[in-house]
Amino acid sequence: MIEKAVITTAGEGTRMLPVTKEQPKEMLPLFDRSVNGGVCVKPLLQIVFERLYEFGIRNFCFITGRGKRSIEEHFTQDYAYWQSLKERGKTELAEELGNFYRMLDSSNIFWKYQPKPTGFGDAVLLSEPFVQDEPFLVCAGDTYIQSSENSCFKRLTSTFEERAPEAIFLTFEVKDPKRYGVLEGEEIEEGVYEVKRVVEKPEEPISNLSILPVYIFRRNIFRALEKIPYGKGNEKQLTDGIQKLIEWGYKVLAVKLNQNDKRLDIGNPEFYAEAIYLSGKWAGISHGHE
C-alpha cells in the first residue's frame, strides 16, 4: 500500500496570466460533485487532495513556492467560519466545508518551500526527507485525472505491486507530442508498457504516448535527480531523472489511461476551458449545446 503522496504546486503559472498574478493556478476553480449529490465549485488542488484521500492516502507533502500562501491558508481549518455558516442556515455549504475539514483533521500534511521555480524534478527532490525509504506517489497540482472510483490510481498501484518497477507513471495518446514529455516502450500486456526511453518536449517525437504527471517512485529517483544537470531555463526535469533510472538499468513502466478516464489540465487557457467543461459534465451540469 502506498501511504505517502507528494503534490507539487511551486510553478509560476505564467501561461495563465493575468489571473495567476496573485492567485496560484492550482487554486483555480473546477466543478465537482458535492457530498449531498449536487454540484459545487472547488479549487483544483482540493479535488486532487480529496481523490488521493479517498484512495487511502493520509500523509501528504505539498511543495510550494513564492506567492502560494493562499494554498496553505485554504488547507488550514477555520472552524469559526464553518460554525458561522451553520448559524446562518447555510447547511449544505457547511456540510461541504466540514467534509473537507474532516479529511484535513485525519491527514498528516507537510509543507516544503521551493525558493525558485527550478523544475518539477527539483520539487520532487525536495520531498526526500518526507518520503525517506518508502515508495510514494507524485502528482502535479495543476492536473487531475477524472476517473470513476479512482480506477486510475488502483491500476497504477496494482501494476506497481505486481511487477515491482523502480518507477511507474500514467500515459495517454496525444495528437501533438511536442508539447509533452513522451515515452518509447514495449507493450508487455494490454495497456502496460516497459519504458525504454523518455524525452521531455521533443522536437522529433519518439511516439504519441505522453507522460501524465501521476507517478509512483522508489527512493532511487532521488539519486537520479541529484545526478542530472539543470537544463533549459535552469530547471531540473523529472523526465530526465526517469531517463537516468532507465540508463542505470532499472525497470520503468507506464500504464495507459482508460478510454473513460479524462485528463483535466489547467496549464494554459485552452486546457483550462476544456477542464471546466469536463468537470461540469462530470458533476452533472447539462450543457445547452448537447
Protein backbone atom coordinates (compact mmCIF):
# COMPACT_ATOMS: atom_id res chain seq x y z
CA MET A 1 0.00 0.00 0.00
CA ILE A 2 1.31 3.43 -0.96
CA GLU A 3 0.97 5.64 2.12
CA LYS A 4 2.61 8.92 1.07
CA ALA A 5 1.87 11.44 -1.67
CA VAL A 6 3.89 14.42 -2.88
CA ILE A 7 1.88 17.18 -4.57
CA THR A 8 3.86 19.86 -6.41
CA THR A 9 2.47 23.40 -6.58
CA ALA A 10 5.55 25.60 -6.97
CA GLY A 11 5.24 26.55 -10.66
CA GLU A 12 4.69 30.20 -11.56
CA GLY A 13 1.69 29.63 -13.84
CA THR A 14 2.83 32.30 -16.32
CA ARG A 15 0.77 30.80 -19.17
CA MET A 16 -2.37 31.62 -17.18
CA LEU A 17 -1.56 35.29 -16.57
CA PRO A 18 -3.07 37.68 -15.59
CA VAL A 19 -5.37 35.54 -13.39
CA THR A 20 -2.31 33.89 -11.80
CA LYS A 21 -0.56 37.14 -10.91
CA GLU A 22 -1.80 36.86 -7.30
CA GLN A 23 -3.67 33.53 -7.36
CA PRO A 24 -1.87 30.18 -7.68
CA LYS A 25 -3.02 28.32 -10.78
CA GLU A 26 -3.61 25.23 -8.64
CA MET A 27 -6.33 27.18 -6.81
CA LEU A 28 -8.32 27.91 -9.97
CA PRO A 29 -11.86 26.51 -9.67
CA LEU A 30 -13.45 23.49 -11.28
CA PHE A 31 -16.80 21.81 -10.77
CA ASP A 32 -17.17 18.72 -8.60
CA ARG A 33 -19.90 16.61 -7.05
CA SER A 34 -20.91 17.78 -3.59
CA VAL A 35 -21.36 15.49 -0.58
CA ASN A 36 -25.15 15.63 -0.99
CA GLY A 37 -25.03 14.70 -4.68
CA GLY A 38 -25.32 18.20 -6.08
CA VAL A 39 -22.78 20.43 -7.81
CA CYS A 40 -20.14 22.52 -6.09
CA VAL A 41 -17.06 24.51 -7.06
CA LYS A 42 -13.64 23.69 -5.62
CA PRO A 43 -10.03 24.66 -6.26
CA LEU A 44 -8.41 22.03 -8.47
CA LEU A 45 -5.82 21.32 -5.76
CA GLN A 46 -8.53 20.45 -3.26
CA ILE A 47 -10.04 17.98 -5.75
CA VAL A 48 -6.61 16.35 -6.24
CA PHE A 49 -6.16 16.09 -2.46
CA GLU A 50 -9.64 14.66 -1.90
CA ARG A 51 -9.24 11.97 -4.57
CA LEU A 52 -5.94 10.87 -3.06
CA TYR A 53 -7.56 10.85 0.38
CA GLU A 54 -10.46 8.74 -0.92
CA PHE A 55 -7.88 6.35 -2.35
CA GLY A 56 -6.44 5.88 1.14
CA ILE A 57 -3.53 8.34 1.35
CA ARG A 58 -3.17 10.09 4.72
CA ASN A 59 0.37 11.51 4.51
CA PHE A 60 0.83 14.47 2.16
CA CYS A 61 3.76 16.71 1.29
CA PHE A 62 2.93 19.91 -0.61
CA ILE A 63 5.80 21.59 -2.43
CA THR A 64 5.01 25.29 -2.61
CA GLY A 65 6.80 28.41 -3.81
CA ARG A 66 6.61 32.18 -3.98
CA GLY A 67 3.07 33.57 -3.97
CA LYS A 68 1.48 30.31 -2.82
CA ARG A 69 0.48 31.40 0.69
CA SER A 70 -3.22 31.09 -0.16
CA ILE A 71 -2.74 27.33 -0.62
CA GLU A 72 -1.62 26.88 2.98
CA GLU A 73 -4.46 29.10 4.17
CA HIS A 74 -7.02 27.09 2.22
CA PHE A 75 -5.70 23.84 3.71
CA THR A 76 -5.95 25.25 7.25
CA GLN A 77 -9.23 24.61 9.08
CA ASP A 78 -11.29 27.65 10.09
CA TYR A 79 -13.94 26.20 12.35
CA ALA A 80 -15.25 29.63 13.36
CA TYR A 81 -16.19 30.28 9.74
CA TRP A 82 -17.71 26.79 9.47
CA GLN A 83 -19.80 27.42 12.60
CA SER A 84 -20.89 30.79 11.15
CA LEU A 85 -22.20 29.07 8.03
CA LYS A 86 -24.25 26.70 10.18
CA GLU A 87 -25.68 29.53 12.28
CA ARG A 88 -26.73 31.43 9.15
CA GLY A 89 -28.62 28.41 7.87
CA LYS A 90 -26.18 27.62 5.05
CA THR A 91 -26.38 23.94 5.92
CA GLU A 92 -25.26 22.40 2.63
CA LEU A 93 -22.27 24.71 2.32
CA ALA A 94 -21.30 23.99 5.93
CA GLU A 95 -21.60 20.26 5.25
CA GLU A 96 -19.34 20.53 2.22
CA LEU A 97 -16.71 22.53 4.08
CA GLY A 98 -16.99 20.25 7.12
CA ASN A 99 -16.31 17.21 4.96
CA PHE A 100 -13.10 18.82 3.68
CA TYR A 101 -12.08 19.71 7.23
CA ARG A 102 -12.63 16.13 8.41
CA MET A 103 -10.22 14.96 5.72
CA LEU A 104 -7.64 17.52 6.85
CA ASP A 105 -8.11 16.54 10.50
CA SER A 106 -7.30 12.90 9.76
CA SER A 107 -4.32 13.66 7.49
CA ASN A 108 -0.68 14.46 8.17
CA ILE A 109 0.26 17.42 5.99
CA PHE A 110 3.80 18.68 5.50
CA TRP A 111 4.89 21.80 3.64
CA LYS A 112 8.17 22.26 1.78
CA TYR A 113 9.16 25.56 0.20
CA GLN A 114 10.90 25.69 -3.20
CA PRO A 115 12.62 29.12 -3.22
CA LYS A 116 12.86 29.33 -7.02
CA PRO A 117 10.85 27.62 -9.80
CA THR A 118 13.72 25.34 -10.77
CA GLY A 119 11.69 22.49 -12.23
CA PHE A 120 9.44 19.54 -11.46
CA GLY A 121 12.44 17.32 -10.74
CA ASP A 122 13.88 19.76 -8.23
CA ALA A 123 10.50 19.98 -6.49
CA VAL A 124 10.34 16.19 -6.13
CA LEU A 125 13.92 16.11 -4.85
CA LEU A 126 12.91 18.44 -2.00
CA SER A 127 10.47 15.81 -0.72
CA GLU A 128 13.17 13.26 0.22
CA PRO A 129 13.11 13.98 4.00
CA PHE A 130 9.33 13.39 3.96
CA VAL A 131 9.47 10.24 1.83
CA GLN A 132 12.52 8.58 3.46
CA ASP A 133 12.70 4.93 2.30
CA GLU A 134 9.08 4.35 1.28
CA PRO A 135 7.57 4.17 -2.22
CA PHE A 136 5.47 7.25 -2.85
CA LEU A 137 3.00 8.87 -5.22
CA VAL A 138 3.76 12.12 -7.03
CA CYS A 139 1.00 14.28 -8.51
CA ALA A 140 1.28 17.67 -10.17
CA GLY A 141 -1.09 20.11 -8.52
CA ASP A 142 -2.30 21.52 -11.85
CA THR A 143 -3.51 18.22 -13.36
CA TYR A 144 -6.38 15.99 -12.27
CA ILE A 145 -7.34 12.59 -13.69
CA GLN A 146 -11.11 12.27 -13.72
CA SER A 147 -11.52 8.55 -13.07
CA SER A 148 -14.55 6.61 -11.82
CA GLU A 149 -13.92 5.20 -8.32
CA ASN A 150 -10.25 6.21 -8.57
CA SER A 151 -9.64 3.40 -11.06
CA CYS A 152 -6.52 5.11 -12.46
CA PHE A 153 -4.81 5.01 -9.03
CA LYS A 154 -5.93 1.42 -8.49
CA ARG A 155 -4.47 0.25 -11.83
CA LEU A 156 -1.25 2.17 -11.24
CA THR A 157 -0.69 0.77 -7.74
CA SER A 158 -1.74 -2.79 -8.60
CA THR A 159 0.72 -2.85 -11.52
CA PHE A 160 3.42 -1.40 -9.26
CA GLU A 161 2.82 -4.11 -6.65
CA GLU A 162 2.63 -6.97 -9.18
CA ARG A 163 5.64 -6.04 -11.34
CA ALA A 164 7.82 -4.18 -8.81
CA PRO A 165 9.35 -1.48 -11.05
CA GLU A 166 11.58 1.31 -9.79
CA ALA A 167 9.16 3.85 -11.27
CA ILE A 168 5.74 3.80 -12.91
CA PHE A 169 3.52 6.51 -14.33
CA LEU A 170 0.33 7.09 -16.30
CA THR A 171 0.38 7.71 -20.04
CA PHE A 172 -2.11 8.63 -22.75
CA GLU A 173 -2.12 9.23 -26.51
CA VAL A 174 -1.88 12.80 -27.79
CA LYS A 175 -2.03 14.44 -31.20
CA ASP A 176 0.85 16.86 -30.61
CA PRO A 177 3.62 15.07 -28.66
CA LYS A 178 5.97 18.06 -28.94
CA ARG A 179 4.08 19.75 -26.07
CA TYR A 180 4.66 16.91 -23.61
CA GLY A 181 7.13 14.51 -22.15
CA VAL A 182 6.80 11.32 -24.21
CA LEU A 183 7.87 7.70 -23.90
CA GLU A 184 9.17 4.98 -26.14
CA GLY A 185 8.38 1.48 -24.94
CA GLU A 186 7.16 -2.06 -25.49
CA GLU A 187 3.61 -3.09 -24.59
CA ILE A 188 4.06 -6.09 -22.29
CA GLU A 189 0.37 -6.53 -21.54
CA GLU A 190 -2.72 -4.61 -22.59
CA GLY A 191 -2.24 -1.00 -21.54
CA VAL A 192 1.09 -1.61 -19.75
CA TYR A 193 4.41 -0.56 -21.30
CA GLU A 194 8.00 -1.29 -20.36
CA VAL A 195 9.61 2.08 -20.93
CA LYS A 196 12.84 2.16 -22.93
CA ARG A 197 13.26 5.93 -23.23
CA VAL A 198 11.61 9.18 -22.13
CA VAL A 199 12.13 12.64 -23.60
CA GLU A 200 10.75 16.00 -22.45
CA LYS A 201 9.02 18.04 -25.21
CA PRO A 202 10.99 16.53 -28.10
CA GLU A 203 11.44 18.37 -31.39
CA GLU A 204 11.12 14.99 -33.13
CA PRO A 205 8.68 12.90 -31.04
CA ILE A 206 9.60 9.28 -30.42
CA SER A 207 5.91 8.31 -30.02
CA ASN A 208 2.49 9.82 -29.35
CA LEU A 209 2.38 8.42 -25.80
CA SER A 210 2.73 11.33 -23.41
CA ILE A 211 3.67 11.23 -19.74
CA LEU A 212 0.91 12.19 -17.31
CA PRO A 213 2.15 13.77 -14.06
CA VAL A 214 0.96 10.92 -11.84
CA TYR A 215 3.83 8.66 -10.73
CA ILE A 216 4.95 6.11 -8.17
CA PHE A 217 8.65 6.08 -7.31
CA ARG A 218 11.08 4.26 -5.08
CA ARG A 219 13.84 6.25 -3.44
CA ASN A 220 16.41 5.81 -6.24
CA ILE A 221 14.65 8.63 -8.09
CA PHE A 222 16.36 10.98 -5.62
CA ARG A 223 19.81 9.65 -6.56
CA ALA A 224 18.92 10.07 -10.23
CA LEU A 225 17.69 13.64 -9.73
CA GLU A 226 20.90 14.53 -7.89
CA LYS A 227 22.95 13.31 -10.85
CA ILE A 228 21.16 15.12 -13.69
CA PRO A 229 22.08 18.72 -14.54
CA TYR A 230 19.83 21.74 -14.60
CA GLY A 231 18.73 22.25 -18.20
CA LYS A 232 16.80 24.84 -20.19
CA GLY A 233 15.51 27.67 -18.04
CA ASN A 234 17.74 26.43 -15.19
CA GLU A 235 15.19 23.68 -14.49
CA LYS A 236 15.74 20.10 -13.36
CA GLN A 237 13.30 17.92 -15.29
CA LEU A 238 11.67 14.91 -13.65
CA THR A 239 11.63 13.25 -17.09
CA ASP A 240 15.44 13.39 -17.16
CA GLY A 241 15.54 11.73 -13.74
CA ILE A 242 13.37 8.89 -15.03
CA GLN A 243 15.65 8.53 -18.06
CA LYS A 244 18.63 8.25 -15.72
CA LEU A 245 16.90 5.35 -13.91
CA ILE A 246 16.45 3.62 -17.28
CA GLU A 247 20.13 4.16 -18.15
CA TRP A 248 21.10 2.62 -14.80
CA GLY A 249 19.14 -0.49 -15.74
CA TYR A 250 16.11 -0.06 -13.52
CA LYS A 251 12.68 -1.22 -14.68
CA VAL A 252 10.31 1.65 -15.52
CA LEU A 253 6.69 1.03 -16.52
CA ALA A 254 3.80 3.10 -17.84
CA VAL A 255 0.06 2.39 -17.56
CA LYS A 256 -2.20 3.74 -20.28
CA LEU A 257 -5.21 5.76 -19.24
CA ASN A 258 -8.57 4.06 -19.79
CA GLN A 259 -10.77 5.47 -22.53
CA ASN A 260 -13.33 6.69 -20.00
CA ASP A 261 -10.73 8.45 -17.84
CA LYS A 262 -10.16 12.12 -18.63
CA ARG A 263 -7.16 14.35 -18.09
CA LEU A 264 -8.04 17.80 -16.73
CA ASP A 265 -5.09 20.17 -17.09
CA ILE A 266 -5.16 23.88 -16.27
CA GLY A 267 -1.69 24.69 -17.58
CA ASN A 268 -2.92 27.09 -20.28
CA PRO A 269 -6.22 28.80 -21.24
CA GLU A 270 -7.11 26.20 -23.87
CA PHE A 271 -6.66 23.30 -21.46
CA TYR A 272 -8.46 25.18 -18.67
CA ALA A 273 -11.52 25.76 -20.86
CA GLU A 274 -11.68 22.04 -21.59
CA ALA A 275 -11.19 21.21 -17.90
CA ILE A 276 -14.11 23.44 -16.90
CA TYR A 277 -16.33 21.74 -19.47
CA LEU A 278 -15.31 18.20 -18.49
CA SER A 279 -15.59 18.86 -14.75
CA GLY A 280 -19.06 20.34 -15.25
CA LYS A 281 -20.15 17.33 -17.25
CA TRP A 282 -18.75 15.02 -14.57
CA ALA A 283 -20.60 16.95 -11.85
CA GLY A 284 -23.89 16.68 -13.71
CA ILE A 285 -24.23 20.09 -15.34
CA SER A 286 -26.13 19.88 -18.62
CA HIS A 287 -24.68 22.00 -21.42
CA GLY A 288 -27.10 23.74 -23.74
CA HIS A 289 -25.46 22.64 -26.98
CA GLU A 290 -25.56 18.94 -26.09
